[in-house]
């Protein structure tokens, strides 16, 4: 399995449209054959902090996710809202 943890920092005034867009993106991502889980988390009391927890069957499935049209569209749509992004990936292989 492969896991991606993505943390966004979004300008507070853009929080609501960003979250709306990321939830639609999550719905599309969950339909991917290789996606096991795609959760969207918002920090209570801190508008602008959004965390994505994503698991895939393999690194190759995650790479296919990054190459998908819905990912490219999402990335383009939210670019103006994003202040920072941090991505940490995890793999079950030892």
N, C-alpha and C. Protein backbone atom coordinates (compact mmCIF):
# COMPACT_ATOMS: atom_id res chain seq x y z
N UNK A 1 0.85 -1.19 0.00
CA UNK A 1 0.00 0.00 0.00
C UNK A 1 0.88 1.24 0.00
N UNK A 2 0.29 2.33 -0.44
CA UNK A 2 0.98 3.61 -0.54
C UNK A 2 0.07 4.68 0.03
N UNK A 3 0.64 5.57 0.81
CA UNK A 3 -0.13 6.62 1.47
C UNK A 3 0.47 7.99 1.15
N UNK A 4 -0.40 8.95 0.90
CA UNK A 4 0.02 10.34 0.72
C UNK A 4 -0.73 11.20 1.73
N UNK A 5 0.02 12.01 2.48
CA UNK A 5 -0.55 12.96 3.43
C UNK A 5 -0.22 14.35 2.91
N UNK A 6 -1.24 15.10 2.59
CA UNK A 6 -1.05 16.41 1.95
C UNK A 6 -1.66 17.48 2.86
N UNK A 7 -0.87 18.48 3.19
CA UNK A 7 -1.35 19.58 4.01
C UNK A 7 -1.30 20.86 3.19
N UNK A 8 -2.44 21.52 3.10
CA UNK A 8 -2.53 22.80 2.39
C UNK A 8 -2.69 23.92 3.39
N UNK A 9 -2.06 25.02 3.10
CA UNK A 9 -2.35 26.27 3.79
C UNK A 9 -2.99 27.18 2.75
N UNK A 10 -4.22 27.60 3.05
CA UNK A 10 -5.02 28.39 2.13
C UNK A 10 -5.36 29.71 2.81
N UNK A 11 -5.38 30.78 2.05
CA UNK A 11 -5.80 32.06 2.62
C UNK A 11 -7.20 31.90 3.22
N UNK A 12 -7.41 32.37 4.46
CA UNK A 12 -8.71 32.18 5.12
C UNK A 12 -9.90 32.62 4.29
N UNK A 13 -9.75 33.66 3.52
CA UNK A 13 -10.87 34.14 2.71
C UNK A 13 -11.19 33.20 1.55
N UNK A 14 -10.29 32.28 1.25
CA UNK A 14 -10.51 31.31 0.18
C UNK A 14 -10.83 29.91 0.71
N UNK A 15 -10.93 29.79 2.02
CA UNK A 15 -11.13 28.47 2.64
C UNK A 15 -12.38 27.77 2.11
N UNK A 16 -13.52 28.42 2.12
CA UNK A 16 -14.76 27.76 1.72
C UNK A 16 -14.75 27.31 0.26
N UNK A 17 -14.36 28.16 -0.70
CA UNK A 17 -14.33 27.66 -2.09
C UNK A 17 -13.26 26.58 -2.29
N UNK A 18 -12.16 26.67 -1.56
CA UNK A 18 -11.13 25.63 -1.67
C UNK A 18 -11.68 24.29 -1.17
N UNK A 19 -12.31 24.29 -0.01
CA UNK A 19 -12.85 23.06 0.56
C UNK A 19 -13.93 22.48 -0.35
N UNK A 20 -14.77 23.32 -0.91
CA UNK A 20 -15.80 22.85 -1.83
C UNK A 20 -15.15 22.14 -3.03
N UNK A 21 -14.11 22.75 -3.56
CA UNK A 21 -13.42 22.16 -4.73
C UNK A 21 -12.68 20.88 -4.35
N UNK A 22 -12.03 20.86 -3.19
CA UNK A 22 -11.28 19.68 -2.79
C UNK A 22 -12.23 18.52 -2.48
N UNK A 23 -13.41 18.78 -1.98
CA UNK A 23 -14.37 17.71 -1.73
C UNK A 23 -14.86 17.08 -3.04
N UNK A 24 -15.07 17.89 -4.05
CA UNK A 24 -15.43 17.36 -5.37
C UNK A 24 -14.29 16.53 -5.94
N UNK A 25 -13.07 17.01 -5.76
CA UNK A 25 -11.88 16.30 -6.21
C UNK A 25 -11.76 14.96 -5.49
N UNK A 26 -12.01 14.94 -4.20
CA UNK A 26 -11.93 13.70 -3.42
C UNK A 26 -12.95 12.68 -3.93
N UNK A 27 -14.15 13.16 -4.24
CA UNK A 27 -15.20 12.27 -4.75
C UNK A 27 -14.74 11.61 -6.05
N UNK A 28 -14.15 12.41 -6.95
CA UNK A 28 -13.63 11.87 -8.21
C UNK A 28 -12.48 10.89 -7.96
N UNK A 29 -11.61 11.23 -7.02
CA UNK A 29 -10.44 10.40 -6.74
C UNK A 29 -10.84 9.05 -6.16
N UNK A 30 -11.88 9.01 -5.34
CA UNK A 30 -12.34 7.76 -4.75
C UNK A 30 -12.82 6.76 -5.80
N UNK A 31 -13.16 7.25 -6.99
CA UNK A 31 -13.63 6.38 -8.08
C UNK A 31 -12.48 5.67 -8.80
N UNK A 32 -11.25 6.09 -8.56
CA UNK A 32 -10.10 5.47 -9.20
C UNK A 32 -9.95 4.04 -8.70
N UNK A 33 -9.63 3.14 -9.61
CA UNK A 33 -9.49 1.72 -9.25
C UNK A 33 -8.43 1.50 -8.17
N UNK A 34 -7.36 2.27 -8.18
CA UNK A 34 -6.27 2.07 -7.23
C UNK A 34 -6.39 2.83 -5.93
N UNK A 35 -7.44 3.65 -5.78
CA UNK A 35 -7.61 4.45 -4.57
C UNK A 35 -8.39 3.66 -3.52
N UNK A 36 -7.80 3.50 -2.34
CA UNK A 36 -8.47 2.83 -1.23
C UNK A 36 -9.24 3.81 -0.36
N UNK A 37 -8.67 4.98 -0.16
CA UNK A 37 -9.26 5.96 0.77
C UNK A 37 -8.81 7.36 0.36
N UNK A 38 -9.70 8.33 0.53
CA UNK A 38 -9.36 9.73 0.25
C UNK A 38 -10.21 10.59 1.19
N UNK A 39 -9.61 11.05 2.27
CA UNK A 39 -10.31 11.84 3.28
C UNK A 39 -9.86 13.29 3.24
N UNK A 40 -10.80 14.20 3.51
CA UNK A 40 -10.53 15.62 3.59
C UNK A 40 -10.78 16.06 5.03
N UNK A 41 -9.77 16.67 5.64
CA UNK A 41 -9.86 17.12 7.02
C UNK A 41 -9.59 18.62 7.09
N UNK A 42 -10.39 19.30 7.91
CA UNK A 42 -10.19 20.73 8.16
C UNK A 42 -9.94 20.91 9.65
N UNK A 43 -8.99 21.75 9.98
CA UNK A 43 -8.69 21.97 11.39
C UNK A 43 -9.72 22.91 11.99
N UNK A 44 -10.40 22.44 13.01
CA UNK A 44 -11.43 23.23 13.69
C UNK A 44 -10.79 24.50 14.27
N UNK A 45 -11.38 25.63 13.97
CA UNK A 45 -10.90 26.89 14.52
C UNK A 45 -9.73 27.50 13.78
N UNK A 46 -9.30 26.87 12.70
CA UNK A 46 -8.19 27.42 11.94
C UNK A 46 -8.51 27.38 10.45
N UNK A 47 -9.31 28.35 9.98
CA UNK A 47 -9.62 28.38 8.55
C UNK A 47 -8.33 28.48 7.73
N UNK A 48 -8.27 27.70 6.72
CA UNK A 48 -7.10 27.74 5.86
C UNK A 48 -6.22 26.51 5.97
N UNK A 49 -6.40 25.70 7.00
CA UNK A 49 -5.63 24.47 7.13
C UNK A 49 -6.49 23.30 6.64
N UNK A 50 -6.02 22.62 5.60
CA UNK A 50 -6.75 21.49 5.03
C UNK A 50 -5.77 20.33 4.85
N UNK A 51 -6.18 19.15 5.30
CA UNK A 51 -5.33 17.97 5.27
C UNK A 51 -6.02 16.87 4.46
N UNK A 52 -5.28 16.27 3.55
CA UNK A 52 -5.79 15.15 2.77
C UNK A 52 -5.05 13.89 3.19
N UNK A 53 -5.80 12.83 3.45
CA UNK A 53 -5.24 11.52 3.77
C UNK A 53 -5.69 10.57 2.66
N UNK A 54 -4.72 10.09 1.89
CA UNK A 54 -5.03 9.29 0.71
C UNK A 54 -4.25 7.97 0.78
N UNK A 55 -4.93 6.86 0.50
CA UNK A 55 -4.21 5.60 0.39
C UNK A 55 -4.55 4.95 -0.95
N UNK A 56 -3.53 4.31 -1.49
CA UNK A 56 -3.62 3.66 -2.80
C UNK A 56 -3.07 2.25 -2.70
N UNK A 57 -3.43 1.41 -3.64
CA UNK A 57 -2.94 0.04 -3.64
C UNK A 57 -1.43 -0.02 -3.86
N UNK A 58 -0.89 0.96 -4.61
CA UNK A 58 0.55 0.96 -4.93
C UNK A 58 1.00 2.37 -5.28
N UNK A 59 2.30 2.55 -5.35
CA UNK A 59 2.89 3.81 -5.80
C UNK A 59 2.46 4.10 -7.24
N UNK A 60 2.36 3.06 -8.04
CA UNK A 60 1.95 3.22 -9.44
C UNK A 60 0.51 3.76 -9.53
N UNK A 61 -0.34 3.32 -8.61
CA UNK A 61 -1.71 3.84 -8.59
C UNK A 61 -1.73 5.32 -8.20
N UNK A 62 -0.86 5.70 -7.27
CA UNK A 62 -0.75 7.12 -6.90
C UNK A 62 -0.24 7.94 -8.08
N UNK A 63 0.75 7.40 -8.78
CA UNK A 63 1.28 8.10 -9.96
C UNK A 63 0.20 8.27 -11.03
N UNK A 64 -0.64 7.25 -11.20
CA UNK A 64 -1.76 7.35 -12.15
C UNK A 64 -2.74 8.43 -11.69
N UNK A 65 -2.95 8.53 -10.39
CA UNK A 65 -3.81 9.59 -9.82
C UNK A 65 -3.25 10.97 -10.20
N UNK A 66 -1.95 11.15 -10.03
CA UNK A 66 -1.32 12.44 -10.35
C UNK A 66 -1.40 12.77 -11.84
N UNK A 67 -1.48 11.75 -12.68
CA UNK A 67 -1.55 11.95 -14.13
C UNK A 67 -2.99 12.11 -14.64
N UNK A 68 -3.96 11.92 -13.74
CA UNK A 68 -5.37 11.95 -14.17
C UNK A 68 -5.83 13.36 -14.54
N UNK A 69 -6.82 13.42 -15.40
CA UNK A 69 -7.38 14.71 -15.80
C UNK A 69 -8.01 15.44 -14.62
N UNK A 70 -8.68 14.71 -13.72
CA UNK A 70 -9.32 15.39 -12.60
C UNK A 70 -8.28 15.96 -11.63
N UNK A 71 -7.10 15.31 -11.50
CA UNK A 71 -6.04 15.89 -10.68
C UNK A 71 -5.50 17.17 -11.33
N UNK A 72 -5.23 17.12 -12.61
CA UNK A 72 -4.69 18.29 -13.30
C UNK A 72 -5.66 19.47 -13.23
N UNK A 73 -6.93 19.19 -13.38
CA UNK A 73 -7.95 20.24 -13.29
C UNK A 73 -8.01 20.82 -11.88
N UNK A 74 -8.02 19.95 -10.88
CA UNK A 74 -8.02 20.39 -9.49
C UNK A 74 -6.81 21.26 -9.19
N UNK A 75 -5.63 20.79 -9.57
CA UNK A 75 -4.39 21.52 -9.28
C UNK A 75 -4.42 22.92 -9.89
N UNK A 76 -4.91 23.02 -11.10
CA UNK A 76 -5.02 24.32 -11.77
C UNK A 76 -6.05 25.21 -11.08
N UNK A 77 -7.19 24.64 -10.72
CA UNK A 77 -8.28 25.42 -10.10
C UNK A 77 -7.89 26.00 -8.74
N UNK A 78 -7.13 25.24 -7.95
CA UNK A 78 -6.83 25.70 -6.58
C UNK A 78 -5.51 26.45 -6.46
N UNK A 79 -4.73 26.49 -7.51
CA UNK A 79 -3.43 27.18 -7.45
C UNK A 79 -3.54 28.61 -6.91
N UNK A 80 -4.55 29.40 -7.32
CA UNK A 80 -4.62 30.77 -6.80
C UNK A 80 -4.94 30.84 -5.30
N UNK A 81 -5.52 29.79 -4.74
CA UNK A 81 -5.91 29.79 -3.33
C UNK A 81 -4.79 29.31 -2.39
N UNK A 82 -3.87 28.57 -2.93
CA UNK A 82 -2.84 27.90 -2.15
C UNK A 82 -1.75 28.85 -1.69
N UNK A 83 -1.43 28.81 -0.40
CA UNK A 83 -0.27 29.53 0.10
C UNK A 83 0.92 28.59 0.21
N UNK A 84 0.67 27.42 0.78
CA UNK A 84 1.71 26.40 0.96
C UNK A 84 1.10 25.02 0.76
N UNK A 85 1.96 24.10 0.40
CA UNK A 85 1.56 22.70 0.31
C UNK A 85 2.73 21.85 0.81
N UNK A 86 2.42 20.86 1.61
CA UNK A 86 3.43 19.91 2.08
C UNK A 86 2.90 18.50 1.81
N UNK A 87 3.76 17.67 1.24
CA UNK A 87 3.36 16.31 0.90
C UNK A 87 4.36 15.34 1.54
N UNK A 88 3.81 14.39 2.28
CA UNK A 88 4.62 13.32 2.86
C UNK A 88 4.02 12.01 2.37
N UNK A 89 4.87 11.12 1.86
CA UNK A 89 4.37 9.84 1.37
C UNK A 89 4.94 8.70 2.21
N UNK A 90 4.17 7.65 2.27
CA UNK A 90 4.51 6.48 3.08
C UNK A 90 4.25 5.23 2.24
N UNK A 91 5.07 4.21 2.46
CA UNK A 91 4.97 2.97 1.72
C UNK A 91 5.09 1.81 2.69
N UNK A 92 4.33 0.74 2.49
CA UNK A 92 4.39 -0.40 3.39
C UNK A 92 5.59 -1.32 3.09
N UNK A 93 6.25 -1.10 1.97
CA UNK A 93 7.41 -1.93 1.66
C UNK A 93 8.54 -1.60 2.63
N UNK A 94 9.26 -2.62 3.04
CA UNK A 94 10.38 -2.42 3.98
C UNK A 94 11.68 -2.70 3.25
